[in-house]
Amino acid sequence: MVRNSSQYNNLCRRISKLDKSYLPTKYNPLGRYTKKEEDDIRAYSLLVHAEIESYFETICQIKAQYALSKWRNNHKYNSHILLSLSCFIEHTQKVKDEKTLELKLRKIVGIFCETIKNNNGIKEQNIKALLLPIGINENDLDATWLNTLNSFGITRGQFAHTGASVNIVPNHNDIKSNVENILLVLKDLDLVIKSLK
C-alpha cells in the first residue's frame, strides 16, 4: 500500500490538534458562540490556513531540491520535475548567462525556491504557481477542491484583516467541513506529488 508523504501526515496531525484546541465541542445549529469561541474559531482558521500553506511550500521545495540533488549525483537521472521547472521558470538573464547545464538547473531551482518563499496564500493561483512548475498536471487539480481552497482563503482573509468589532460571525461547521474536504482531496493529490521524480 502506498503511503502519504510525511508532510501530509504531519499536516493532518497538526490540524487534528488544532481542532481539539480551538473548535467548540458542541454543534450549534444557530451559530451562536461566546466571544471566546468566536475568537477561537478565527484563530483556528488562521492557523489551519498557515499549516496548509506551509505544507504546499515545504513539499514543493523538497521535491525540487531533491530532484536537483539526484541529478547532480547522476547526470543520467531523468527528472520530470527538473524538466517541468525548466519549462515553467522564466529563463532570466541570470539563467542564460550560466555556462553549464548544472549551473542553469541550480539557478532555475533557486528561482523556484524564491517563488515559494514569496508565496502568500492557498487560493487557486497560489496552488497552481507551486504545483504546476514541479510537474503536476492541471487536470489533477479538482475544480471543486480549488473553489473550496478559494473560499477558505477568503474566510481566513476576512478574519485576518478585520477586527472583532466588525460583525463577521464565524461558522464553525462550515469552516470545519471545508478543512475536512481540503484534506480529503489533498490525500490523493499528495500521493501524486510524492510520486514525482
Protein backbone atom coordinates (compact mmCIF):
# COMPACT_ATOMS: atom_id res chain seq x y z
CA MET A 1 0.00 0.00 0.00
CA VAL A 2 1.33 3.43 -0.97
CA ARG A 3 1.66 5.80 1.95
CA ASN A 4 1.22 9.52 2.02
CA SER A 5 4.18 11.83 2.47
CA SER A 6 5.42 12.70 5.94
CA GLN A 7 4.46 16.30 5.16
CA TYR A 8 0.81 15.29 4.61
CA ASN A 9 0.74 13.11 7.74
CA ASN A 10 2.25 15.94 9.80
CA LEU A 11 -0.36 18.34 8.39
CA CYS A 12 -3.22 16.02 9.40
CA ARG A 13 -1.83 15.53 12.91
CA ARG A 14 -1.37 19.27 13.39
CA ILE A 15 -4.89 20.09 12.17
CA SER A 16 -6.32 17.42 14.45
CA LYS A 17 -4.60 19.13 17.40
CA LEU A 18 -5.94 22.50 16.29
CA ASP A 19 -9.46 21.01 16.07
CA LYS A 20 -9.24 19.89 19.68
CA SER A 21 -7.67 23.12 20.92
CA TYR A 22 -9.85 25.69 19.16
CA LEU A 23 -13.17 24.38 17.89
CA PRO A 24 -16.29 24.20 20.07
CA THR A 25 -17.04 20.67 21.17
CA LYS A 26 -20.77 21.02 20.73
CA TYR A 27 -22.60 21.54 17.46
CA ASN A 28 -24.52 24.80 17.48
CA PRO A 29 -27.11 24.82 14.67
CA LEU A 30 -27.88 28.51 15.26
CA GLY A 31 -24.22 29.51 15.11
CA ARG A 32 -24.37 31.28 18.45
CA TYR A 33 -20.99 31.34 20.12
CA THR A 34 -19.44 33.10 23.04
CA LYS A 35 -16.87 35.80 22.24
CA LYS A 36 -14.11 33.38 23.25
CA GLU A 37 -15.50 30.67 20.95
CA GLU A 38 -15.67 33.19 18.09
CA ASP A 39 -12.05 34.18 18.70
CA ASP A 40 -11.03 30.52 18.86
CA ILE A 41 -12.77 29.77 15.55
CA ARG A 42 -10.99 32.74 13.96
CA ALA A 43 -7.67 31.54 15.40
CA TYR A 44 -8.35 28.03 14.10
CA SER A 45 -8.95 29.37 10.58
CA LEU A 46 -5.75 31.40 10.60
CA LEU A 47 -3.63 28.58 11.97
CA VAL A 48 -5.06 25.90 9.66
CA HIS A 49 -4.54 28.19 6.67
CA ALA A 50 -0.90 28.67 7.72
CA GLU A 51 -0.41 24.90 8.09
CA ILE A 52 -1.89 24.14 4.65
CA GLU A 53 0.21 26.89 3.07
CA SER A 54 3.31 25.54 4.79
CA TYR A 55 2.55 22.01 3.55
CA PHE A 56 2.49 23.13 -0.10
CA GLU A 57 5.57 25.31 0.21
CA THR A 58 7.57 22.66 2.03
CA ILE A 59 6.71 19.72 -0.19
CA CYS A 60 7.33 21.68 -3.40
CA GLN A 61 10.70 22.90 -2.20
CA ILE A 62 11.72 19.43 -1.03
CA LYS A 63 10.70 17.87 -4.36
CA ALA A 64 12.59 20.47 -6.43
CA GLN A 65 15.76 20.33 -4.32
CA TYR A 66 15.71 16.52 -4.15
CA ALA A 67 15.35 16.23 -7.95
CA LEU A 68 18.32 18.55 -8.43
CA SER A 69 20.37 16.62 -5.88
CA LYS A 70 19.58 13.28 -7.56
CA TRP A 71 20.51 14.69 -10.97
CA ARG A 72 23.76 16.16 -9.64
CA ASN A 73 24.72 12.72 -8.28
CA ASN A 74 23.84 11.00 -11.55
CA HIS A 75 23.55 13.08 -14.71
CA LYS A 76 21.68 10.22 -16.37
CA TYR A 77 18.86 10.57 -13.84
CA ASN A 78 15.70 11.52 -15.74
CA SER A 79 13.80 14.11 -13.74
CA HIS A 80 10.31 15.13 -14.76
CA ILE A 81 10.47 17.81 -12.06
CA LEU A 82 13.61 19.44 -13.47
CA LEU A 83 12.21 19.28 -17.00
CA SER A 84 8.97 20.88 -15.85
CA LEU A 85 10.77 23.57 -13.84
CA SER A 86 12.90 24.35 -16.88
CA CYS A 87 9.72 24.95 -18.89
CA PHE A 88 7.85 26.96 -16.25
CA ILE A 89 10.56 29.12 -14.75
CA GLU A 90 11.33 32.20 -16.80
CA HIS A 91 14.82 31.98 -18.21
CA THR A 92 16.10 35.24 -16.86
CA GLN A 93 19.41 36.67 -17.95
CA LYS A 94 20.97 35.11 -14.86
CA VAL A 95 19.92 31.65 -16.06
CA LYS A 96 21.01 32.33 -19.64
CA ASP A 97 24.42 33.57 -18.51
CA GLU A 98 25.28 30.36 -16.68
CA LYS A 99 27.86 28.32 -18.58
CA THR A 100 26.88 24.75 -17.69
CA LEU A 101 23.65 22.77 -17.54
CA GLU A 102 24.19 22.11 -13.85
CA LEU A 103 24.56 25.81 -13.06
CA LYS A 104 21.47 26.61 -15.13
CA LEU A 105 19.43 23.96 -13.27
CA ARG A 106 20.69 25.19 -9.92
CA LYS A 107 19.66 28.72 -10.84
CA ILE A 108 16.21 27.54 -12.03
CA VAL A 109 15.61 25.64 -8.78
CA GLY A 110 16.83 28.69 -6.85
CA ILE A 111 14.35 30.94 -8.68
CA PHE A 112 11.56 28.45 -7.93
CA CYS A 113 12.54 28.38 -4.24
CA GLU A 114 12.36 32.17 -4.25
CA THR A 115 8.84 31.92 -5.71
CA ILE A 116 7.94 29.57 -2.87
CA LYS A 117 9.40 31.96 -0.32
CA ASN A 118 7.29 34.80 -1.74
CA ASN A 119 4.07 32.74 -1.80
CA ASN A 120 1.28 34.19 0.25
CA GLY A 121 -1.82 32.04 0.29
CA ILE A 122 -3.62 28.86 -0.74
CA LYS A 123 -6.01 30.19 -3.32
CA GLU A 124 -6.09 28.67 -6.80
CA GLN A 125 -3.43 30.95 -8.28
CA ASN A 126 -1.09 30.23 -5.35
CA ILE A 127 -1.53 26.47 -5.61
CA LYS A 128 -1.02 26.43 -9.36
CA ALA A 129 2.11 28.60 -9.05
CA LEU A 130 3.56 26.00 -6.68
CA LEU A 131 2.37 22.72 -8.18
CA LEU A 132 2.38 23.19 -11.95
CA PRO A 133 6.12 24.03 -12.13
CA ILE A 134 7.06 20.75 -10.41
CA GLY A 135 5.05 18.74 -12.91
CA ILE A 136 1.54 18.43 -11.55
CA ASN A 137 -0.92 18.37 -14.44
CA GLU A 138 -3.65 21.00 -14.19
CA ASN A 139 -6.18 18.18 -14.78
CA ASP A 140 -5.01 16.62 -11.49
CA LEU A 141 -6.38 19.65 -9.62
CA ASP A 142 -10.04 19.15 -8.80
CA ALA A 143 -12.05 22.29 -9.65
CA THR A 144 -14.39 21.92 -6.66
CA TRP A 145 -11.38 21.49 -4.37
CA LEU A 146 -9.77 24.64 -5.80
CA ASN A 147 -13.03 26.51 -5.13
CA THR A 148 -13.00 25.24 -1.55
CA LEU A 149 -9.43 26.50 -1.15
CA ASN A 150 -10.50 29.88 -2.57
CA SER A 151 -13.44 30.03 -0.16
CA PHE A 152 -11.30 29.06 2.81
CA GLY A 153 -8.67 31.62 1.79
CA ILE A 154 -11.33 34.34 1.61
CA THR A 155 -12.69 33.40 5.05
CA ARG A 156 -9.19 33.44 6.51
CA GLY A 157 -8.57 36.85 4.89
CA GLN A 158 -11.74 38.27 6.41
CA PHE A 159 -10.70 37.08 9.85
CA ALA A 160 -7.11 38.26 9.45
CA HIS A 161 -7.96 41.73 8.17
CA THR A 162 -10.99 42.71 10.24
CA GLY A 163 -11.31 43.23 13.95
CA ALA A 164 -13.81 41.55 16.22
CA SER A 165 -15.87 44.73 16.24
CA VAL A 166 -16.78 44.02 12.58
CA ASN A 167 -19.73 41.67 12.74
CA ILE A 168 -18.41 38.65 10.79
CA VAL A 169 -19.76 35.69 12.72
CA PRO A 170 -17.62 32.62 12.11
CA ASN A 171 -19.47 29.45 11.18
CA HIS A 172 -17.52 26.67 12.81
CA ASN A 173 -19.42 23.92 10.98
CA ASP A 174 -18.73 25.35 7.51
CA ILE A 175 -15.08 26.01 8.33
CA LYS A 176 -14.53 22.51 9.70
CA SER A 177 -16.32 20.98 6.69
CA ASN A 178 -14.12 22.96 4.29
CA VAL A 179 -10.97 21.83 6.08
CA GLU A 180 -12.09 18.19 6.01
CA ASN A 181 -12.83 18.44 2.27
CA ILE A 182 -9.47 20.08 1.59
CA LEU A 183 -7.63 17.29 3.42
CA LEU A 184 -9.69 14.54 1.79
CA VAL A 185 -8.84 15.62 -1.76
CA LEU A 186 -5.28 16.52 -0.76
CA LYS A 187 -4.74 12.94 0.44
CA ASP A 188 -4.88 11.66 -3.16
CA LEU A 189 -3.06 14.66 -4.62
CA ASP A 190 -0.27 14.18 -2.08
CA LEU A 191 0.34 10.69 -3.50
CA VAL A 192 0.70 12.21 -6.99
CA ILE A 193 3.12 14.83 -5.68
CA LYS A 194 5.06 12.18 -3.76
CA SER A 195 5.44 10.06 -6.91
CA LEU A 196 7.04 12.88 -8.93
CA LYS A 197 10.69 12.31 -9.80
